[in-house]
Amino acid sequence: YNWQVRKALDFFRPMCLILAMTLHFYEADTARQLTSRLVDGMPYGSYLVVSVGQLQGVTAGEFSRQYTAGTIHHHDRAMVAKFMEGLKLVEPGVTDAHTWRAPPSIQARGRPGHIWAAVGRKIGGGHGSAV
């Protein structure tokens, strides 16, 4: 299948990788290593978009017990920031997904958790890189 991917993607041009609601299936260290490895393979100028669920308190424990398809890890905002290390975060950085560049009238709704969202750009490079 590798050749089919290479026909569709030019790995020498900036791209966007979206990891939506997937990283909470991995322990924090594994999720950080995974994002780091994926970003390392992307050309400069590429973007990584992530969203990660985090429940808190009794709700987190109850959800984790009832969800049987896999293990859920409740990553907090600081952990999600570590997944984005080495990237230039797009403002507003790591934030609740429902408030991402939302108008000021949108307020947190007192939920027992978060959906953290972040967008980061791979910067740097040298010869032949898109910055």
N, C-alpha and C. Protein backbone atom coordinates (compact mmCIF):
# COMPACT_ATOMS: atom_id res chain seq x y z
N TYR A 1 0.81 -1.21 0.00
CA TYR A 1 0.00 0.00 0.00
C TYR A 1 0.85 1.26 0.00
N ASN A 2 2.10 1.14 0.35
CA ASN A 2 2.97 2.31 0.42
C ASN A 2 2.99 3.08 -0.90
N TRP A 3 3.06 2.37 -2.03
CA TRP A 3 3.11 3.06 -3.32
C TRP A 3 1.83 3.82 -3.60
N GLN A 4 0.68 3.31 -3.12
CA GLN A 4 -0.59 4.00 -3.33
C GLN A 4 -0.62 5.31 -2.56
N VAL A 5 -0.09 5.30 -1.35
CA VAL A 5 -0.01 6.53 -0.56
C VAL A 5 0.90 7.53 -1.25
N ARG A 6 2.03 7.08 -1.73
CA ARG A 6 2.98 7.97 -2.39
C ARG A 6 2.42 8.55 -3.69
N LYS A 7 1.50 7.85 -4.34
CA LYS A 7 0.86 8.40 -5.53
C LYS A 7 -0.08 9.55 -5.17
N ALA A 8 -0.67 9.49 -3.98
CA ALA A 8 -1.64 10.50 -3.57
C ALA A 8 -1.01 11.67 -2.84
N LEU A 9 0.10 11.42 -2.12
CA LEU A 9 0.72 12.46 -1.30
C LEU A 9 2.14 12.76 -1.78
N ASP A 10 2.47 14.01 -1.83
CA ASP A 10 3.84 14.44 -2.12
C ASP A 10 4.48 14.75 -0.78
N PHE A 11 5.36 13.86 -0.30
CA PHE A 11 5.96 14.02 1.01
C PHE A 11 7.04 15.10 1.06
N PHE A 12 7.20 15.84 -0.03
CA PHE A 12 8.15 16.95 -0.06
C PHE A 12 7.41 18.29 -0.01
N ARG A 13 6.09 18.26 0.02
CA ARG A 13 5.28 19.48 0.11
C ARG A 13 4.53 19.49 1.43
N PRO A 14 4.30 20.67 2.00
CA PRO A 14 3.56 20.74 3.27
C PRO A 14 2.21 20.04 3.19
N MET A 15 1.83 19.44 4.31
CA MET A 15 0.57 18.71 4.40
C MET A 15 -0.05 18.98 5.75
N CYS A 16 -1.23 18.45 5.95
CA CYS A 16 -1.90 18.57 7.24
C CYS A 16 -2.28 17.16 7.70
N LEU A 17 -1.90 16.84 8.92
CA LEU A 17 -2.25 15.57 9.54
C LEU A 17 -3.25 15.87 10.65
N ILE A 18 -4.38 15.20 10.63
CA ILE A 18 -5.43 15.41 11.63
C ILE A 18 -5.55 14.16 12.48
N LEU A 19 -5.32 14.32 13.77
CA LEU A 19 -5.49 13.24 14.75
C LEU A 19 -6.67 13.64 15.64
N ALA A 20 -7.87 13.42 15.13
CA ALA A 20 -9.08 13.84 15.83
C ALA A 20 -9.60 12.72 16.71
N MET A 21 -9.68 13.00 18.01
CA MET A 21 -10.26 12.10 18.99
C MET A 21 -9.65 10.70 18.93
N THR A 22 -8.31 10.64 18.82
CA THR A 22 -7.62 9.35 18.77
C THR A 22 -6.56 9.21 19.86
N LEU A 23 -5.90 10.29 20.25
CA LEU A 23 -4.75 10.19 21.15
C LEU A 23 -5.13 9.75 22.56
N HIS A 24 -6.37 9.88 22.95
CA HIS A 24 -6.76 9.42 24.29
C HIS A 24 -6.86 7.90 24.37
N PHE A 25 -6.62 7.21 23.25
CA PHE A 25 -6.53 5.75 23.28
C PHE A 25 -5.11 5.27 23.62
N TYR A 26 -4.20 6.21 23.82
CA TYR A 26 -2.80 5.90 24.12
C TYR A 26 -2.39 6.53 25.45
N GLU A 27 -1.50 5.87 26.17
CA GLU A 27 -0.89 6.48 27.35
C GLU A 27 -0.17 7.75 26.89
N ALA A 28 0.04 8.69 27.79
CA ALA A 28 0.62 9.98 27.44
C ALA A 28 1.98 9.85 26.75
N ASP A 29 2.88 9.02 27.28
CA ASP A 29 4.20 8.88 26.65
C ASP A 29 4.10 8.31 25.25
N THR A 30 3.23 7.34 25.06
CA THR A 30 3.05 6.75 23.74
C THR A 30 2.45 7.76 22.77
N ALA A 31 1.47 8.52 23.21
CA ALA A 31 0.86 9.54 22.36
C ALA A 31 1.88 10.60 21.97
N ARG A 32 2.72 11.00 22.92
CA ARG A 32 3.76 12.00 22.62
C ARG A 32 4.76 11.44 21.61
N GLN A 33 5.20 10.20 21.79
CA GLN A 33 6.13 9.58 20.87
C GLN A 33 5.51 9.41 19.48
N LEU A 34 4.25 9.06 19.44
CA LEU A 34 3.55 8.89 18.17
C LEU A 34 3.48 10.20 17.40
N THR A 35 3.04 11.27 18.07
CA THR A 35 2.94 12.55 17.37
C THR A 35 4.32 13.04 16.94
N SER A 36 5.32 12.85 17.79
CA SER A 36 6.68 13.27 17.46
C SER A 36 7.19 12.55 16.22
N ARG A 37 6.97 11.26 16.17
CA ARG A 37 7.44 10.48 15.02
C ARG A 37 6.72 10.88 13.73
N LEU A 38 5.42 11.08 13.82
CA LEU A 38 4.66 11.49 12.64
C LEU A 38 5.11 12.86 12.14
N VAL A 39 5.30 13.80 13.07
CA VAL A 39 5.73 15.14 12.69
C VAL A 39 7.14 15.11 12.09
N ASP A 40 8.01 14.27 12.64
CA ASP A 40 9.36 14.14 12.09
C ASP A 40 9.33 13.76 10.62
N GLY A 41 8.36 12.97 10.20
CA GLY A 41 8.26 12.54 8.81
C GLY A 41 7.57 13.53 7.89
N MET A 42 7.07 14.63 8.44
CA MET A 42 6.37 15.63 7.63
C MET A 42 7.33 16.74 7.22
N PRO A 43 7.16 17.31 6.03
CA PRO A 43 8.02 18.42 5.62
C PRO A 43 7.70 19.70 6.40
N TYR A 44 8.67 20.61 6.42
CA TYR A 44 8.46 21.90 7.06
C TYR A 44 7.30 22.62 6.39
N GLY A 45 6.56 23.36 7.20
CA GLY A 45 5.38 24.07 6.71
C GLY A 45 4.11 23.26 6.89
N SER A 46 4.23 22.00 7.30
CA SER A 46 3.07 21.13 7.52
C SER A 46 2.40 21.47 8.85
N TYR A 47 1.15 21.04 8.96
CA TYR A 47 0.36 21.28 10.17
C TYR A 47 -0.07 19.95 10.80
N LEU A 48 -0.16 19.97 12.12
CA LEU A 48 -0.75 18.88 12.88
C LEU A 48 -1.95 19.45 13.62
N VAL A 49 -3.10 18.80 13.48
CA VAL A 49 -4.32 19.18 14.17
C VAL A 49 -4.69 18.02 15.09
N VAL A 50 -4.90 18.32 16.38
CA VAL A 50 -5.29 17.27 17.32
C VAL A 50 -6.52 17.70 18.10
N SER A 51 -7.31 16.70 18.48
CA SER A 51 -8.36 16.89 19.48
C SER A 51 -8.32 15.66 20.37
N VAL A 52 -8.43 15.90 21.67
CA VAL A 52 -8.26 14.84 22.66
C VAL A 52 -9.31 15.03 23.76
N GLY A 53 -10.02 13.95 24.09
CA GLY A 53 -11.02 14.01 25.14
C GLY A 53 -10.41 13.83 26.52
N GLN A 54 -10.95 14.55 27.47
CA GLN A 54 -10.54 14.41 28.86
C GLN A 54 -11.78 14.57 29.74
N LEU A 55 -12.17 13.50 30.40
CA LEU A 55 -13.24 13.59 31.40
C LEU A 55 -12.59 13.70 32.76
N GLN A 56 -13.37 14.15 33.74
CA GLN A 56 -12.82 14.35 35.08
C GLN A 56 -13.73 13.72 36.12
N GLY A 57 -13.13 13.40 37.25
CA GLY A 57 -13.88 12.95 38.42
C GLY A 57 -14.63 11.65 38.20
N VAL A 58 -15.80 11.57 38.81
CA VAL A 58 -16.63 10.37 38.75
C VAL A 58 -16.99 10.04 37.31
N THR A 59 -17.26 11.06 36.50
CA THR A 59 -17.63 10.85 35.10
C THR A 59 -16.53 10.11 34.36
N ALA A 60 -15.27 10.47 34.60
CA ALA A 60 -14.14 9.81 33.93
C ALA A 60 -14.08 8.34 34.30
N GLY A 61 -14.18 8.03 35.57
CA GLY A 61 -14.14 6.65 36.02
C GLY A 61 -15.29 5.83 35.47
N GLU A 62 -16.47 6.38 35.50
CA GLU A 62 -17.65 5.67 35.02
C GLU A 62 -17.56 5.43 33.51
N PHE A 63 -17.17 6.44 32.76
CA PHE A 63 -17.03 6.28 31.32
C PHE A 63 -15.97 5.23 30.99
N SER A 64 -14.84 5.29 31.67
CA SER A 64 -13.75 4.34 31.42
C SER A 64 -14.19 2.90 31.71
N ARG A 65 -15.01 2.70 32.74
CA ARG A 65 -15.50 1.37 33.07
C ARG A 65 -16.49 0.86 32.02
N GLN A 66 -17.33 1.75 31.51
CA GLN A 66 -18.38 1.34 30.58
C GLN A 66 -17.89 1.21 29.15
N TYR A 67 -16.84 1.93 28.80
CA TYR A 67 -16.31 1.86 27.44
C TYR A 67 -15.42 0.64 27.33
N THR A 68 -15.83 -0.35 26.55
CA THR A 68 -15.12 -1.63 26.52
C THR A 68 -14.33 -1.86 25.23
N ALA A 69 -14.40 -0.96 24.27
CA ALA A 69 -13.69 -1.14 23.00
C ALA A 69 -12.18 -0.92 23.14
N GLY A 70 -11.75 -0.27 24.19
CA GLY A 70 -10.33 0.00 24.41
C GLY A 70 -10.15 0.77 25.70
N THR A 71 -8.90 0.99 26.04
CA THR A 71 -8.59 1.76 27.25
C THR A 71 -8.58 3.24 26.91
N ILE A 72 -9.21 4.03 27.76
CA ILE A 72 -9.26 5.48 27.57
C ILE A 72 -8.31 6.12 28.57
N HIS A 73 -7.51 7.07 28.08
CA HIS A 73 -6.60 7.84 28.93
C HIS A 73 -7.07 9.29 28.90
N HIS A 74 -7.25 9.87 30.05
CA HIS A 74 -7.80 11.23 30.16
C HIS A 74 -6.64 12.22 30.25
N HIS A 75 -6.19 12.72 29.09
CA HIS A 75 -5.06 13.64 29.02
C HIS A 75 -5.51 15.07 29.31
N ASP A 76 -4.77 15.74 30.17
CA ASP A 76 -5.10 17.13 30.47
C ASP A 76 -4.43 18.07 29.47
N ARG A 77 -4.69 19.34 29.65
CA ARG A 77 -4.19 20.36 28.72
C ARG A 77 -2.67 20.34 28.62
N ALA A 78 -1.96 20.18 29.73
CA ALA A 78 -0.50 20.16 29.72
C ALA A 78 0.03 18.97 28.92
N MET A 79 -0.64 17.82 29.04
CA MET A 79 -0.23 16.66 28.27
C MET A 79 -0.41 16.89 26.78
N VAL A 80 -1.52 17.48 26.40
CA VAL A 80 -1.78 17.77 24.99
C VAL A 80 -0.72 18.73 24.46
N ALA A 81 -0.32 19.70 25.27
CA ALA A 81 0.75 20.61 24.85
C ALA A 81 2.04 19.85 24.58
N LYS A 82 2.33 18.82 25.38
CA LYS A 82 3.52 18.01 25.14
C LYS A 82 3.43 17.24 23.82
N PHE A 83 2.22 16.84 23.43
CA PHE A 83 2.04 16.16 22.14
C PHE A 83 2.42 17.11 20.99
N MET A 84 2.34 18.40 21.24
CA MET A 84 2.59 19.40 20.19
C MET A 84 4.00 19.98 20.25
N GLU A 85 4.86 19.43 21.10
CA GLU A 85 6.23 19.95 21.24
C GLU A 85 6.95 19.94 19.91
N GLY A 86 7.72 20.98 19.67
CA GLY A 86 8.48 21.10 18.43
C GLY A 86 7.71 21.80 17.32
N LEU A 87 6.43 22.10 17.58
CA LEU A 87 5.60 22.79 16.60
C LEU A 87 5.31 24.20 17.09
N LYS A 88 5.09 25.10 16.17
CA LYS A 88 4.65 26.45 16.53
C LYS A 88 3.13 26.41 16.62
N LEU A 89 2.60 26.58 17.84
CA LEU A 89 1.16 26.52 18.02
C LEU A 89 0.47 27.72 17.37
N VAL A 90 -0.63 27.43 16.70
CA VAL A 90 -1.47 28.47 16.13
C VAL A 90 -2.36 28.98 17.26
N GLU A 91 -2.51 30.29 17.38
CA GLU A 91 -3.35 30.86 18.43
C GLU A 91 -4.79 30.39 18.27
N PRO A 92 -5.43 30.03 19.33
CA PRO A 92 -5.15 30.32 20.72
C PRO A 92 -4.39 29.22 21.46
N GLY A 93 -3.69 28.35 20.76
CA GLY A 93 -2.93 27.29 21.43
C GLY A 93 -3.83 26.12 21.79
N VAL A 94 -3.51 25.45 22.89
CA VAL A 94 -4.32 24.31 23.35
C VAL A 94 -5.50 24.88 24.12
N THR A 95 -6.70 24.62 23.62
CA THR A 95 -7.90 25.19 24.21
C THR A 95 -9.06 24.22 24.05
N ASP A 96 -10.16 24.49 24.75
CA ASP A 96 -11.37 23.70 24.55
C ASP A 96 -11.83 23.85 23.10
N ALA A 97 -12.15 22.74 22.47
CA ALA A 97 -12.53 22.77 21.05
C ALA A 97 -13.72 23.69 20.79
N HIS A 98 -14.69 23.70 21.69
CA HIS A 98 -15.89 24.52 21.43
C HIS A 98 -15.61 26.02 21.54
N THR A 99 -14.45 26.39 22.06
CA THR A 99 -14.12 27.82 22.13
C THR A 99 -13.03 28.20 21.13
N TRP A 100 -12.61 27.27 20.28
CA TRP A 100 -11.56 27.57 19.31
C TRP A 100 -12.00 28.73 18.43
N ARG A 101 -11.33 29.85 18.61
CA ARG A 101 -11.62 31.08 17.86
C ARG A 101 -13.10 31.42 17.83
N ALA A 102 -13.76 31.11 18.92
CA ALA A 102 -15.20 31.38 19.03
C ALA A 102 -15.44 32.84 19.39
N PRO A 103 -16.61 33.36 19.06
CA PRO A 103 -16.93 34.72 19.46
C PRO A 103 -16.98 34.82 20.99
N PRO A 104 -16.77 36.02 21.54
CA PRO A 104 -16.75 36.20 23.00
C PRO A 104 -18.02 35.74 23.71
N SER A 105 -19.13 35.63 23.00
CA SER A 105 -20.39 35.22 23.64
C SER A 105 -20.40 33.74 24.02
N ILE A 106 -19.48 32.96 23.48
CA ILE A 106 -19.41 31.53 23.82
C ILE A 106 -18.68 31.38 25.15
N GLN A 107 -19.30 30.71 26.10
CA GLN A 107 -18.70 30.50 27.41
C GLN A 107 -18.63 29.01 27.69
N ALA A 108 -17.70 28.62 28.57
CA ALA A 108 -17.63 27.22 29.01
C ALA A 108 -18.96 26.84 29.65
N ARG A 109 -19.37 25.63 29.46
CA ARG A 109 -20.69 25.21 29.91
C ARG A 109 -20.67 24.36 31.17
N GLY A 110 -19.59 24.36 31.93
CA GLY A 110 -19.55 23.61 33.17
C GLY A 110 -19.61 22.10 32.99
N ARG A 111 -19.05 21.60 31.91
CA ARG A 111 -19.04 20.15 31.66
C ARG A 111 -18.03 19.47 32.58
N PRO A 112 -18.18 18.15 32.77
CA PRO A 112 -17.24 17.43 33.62
C PRO A 112 -15.96 17.03 32.89
N GLY A 113 -15.63 17.70 31.82
CA GLY A 113 -14.43 17.36 31.07
C GLY A 113 -14.18 18.34 29.94
N HIS A 114 -13.27 17.96 29.08
CA HIS A 114 -12.85 18.84 27.98
C HIS A 114 -12.64 18.03 26.72
N ILE A 115 -12.77 18.69 25.60
CA ILE A 115 -12.21 18.22 24.34
C ILE A 115 -11.14 19.25 24.00
N TRP A 116 -9.88 18.89 24.25
CA TRP A 116 -8.77 19.79 23.98
C TRP A 116 -8.48 19.77 22.49
N ALA A 117 -8.21 20.93 21.93
CA ALA A 117 -7.89 21.05 20.50
C ALA A 117 -6.67 21.94 20.35
N ALA A 118 -5.85 21.61 19.35
CA ALA A 118 -4.67 22.41 19.06
C ALA A 118 -4.28 22.22 17.60
N VAL A 119 -3.67 23.27 17.07
CA VAL A 119 -3.10 23.23 15.72
C VAL A 119 -1.68 23.72 15.83
N GLY A 120 -0.75 22.97 15.26
CA GLY A 120 0.65 23.36 15.28
C GLY A 120 1.26 23.26 13.90
N ARG A 121 2.23 24.13 13.64
CA ARG A 121 2.91 24.16 12.34
C ARG A 121 4.37 23.79 12.52
N LYS A 122 4.88 22.93 11.67
CA LYS A 122 6.28 22.55 11.70
C LYS A 122 7.08 23.64 10.99
N ILE A 123 7.92 24.30 11.76
CA ILE A 123 8.70 25.40 11.20
C ILE A 123 10.18 25.02 11.16
N GLY A 124 10.95 25.82 10.49
CA GLY A 124 12.38 25.58 10.38
C GLY A 124 12.74 25.18 8.98
N GLY A 125 13.78 24.38 8.89
CA GLY A 125 14.16 23.84 7.60
C GLY A 125 15.32 24.55 6.98
N GLY A 126 15.63 24.11 5.86
CA GLY A 126 16.75 24.65 5.09
C GLY A 126 16.44 24.54 3.63
N HIS A 127 17.38 24.07 2.87
CA HIS A 127 17.25 23.94 1.43
C HIS A 127 16.04 23.08 1.06
N GLY A 128 15.19 23.63 0.20
CA GLY A 128 14.07 22.87 -0.31
C GLY A 128 12.88 22.75 0.61
N SER A 129 12.91 23.39 1.75
CA SER A 129 11.78 23.26 2.67
C SER A 129 10.81 24.42 2.46
N ALA A 130 9.56 24.14 2.72
CA ALA A 130 8.54 25.19 2.67
C ALA A 130 8.36 25.71 4.07
N VAL A 131 8.64 26.96 4.29
CA VAL A 131 8.52 27.54 5.63
C VAL A 131 7.33 28.45 5.70
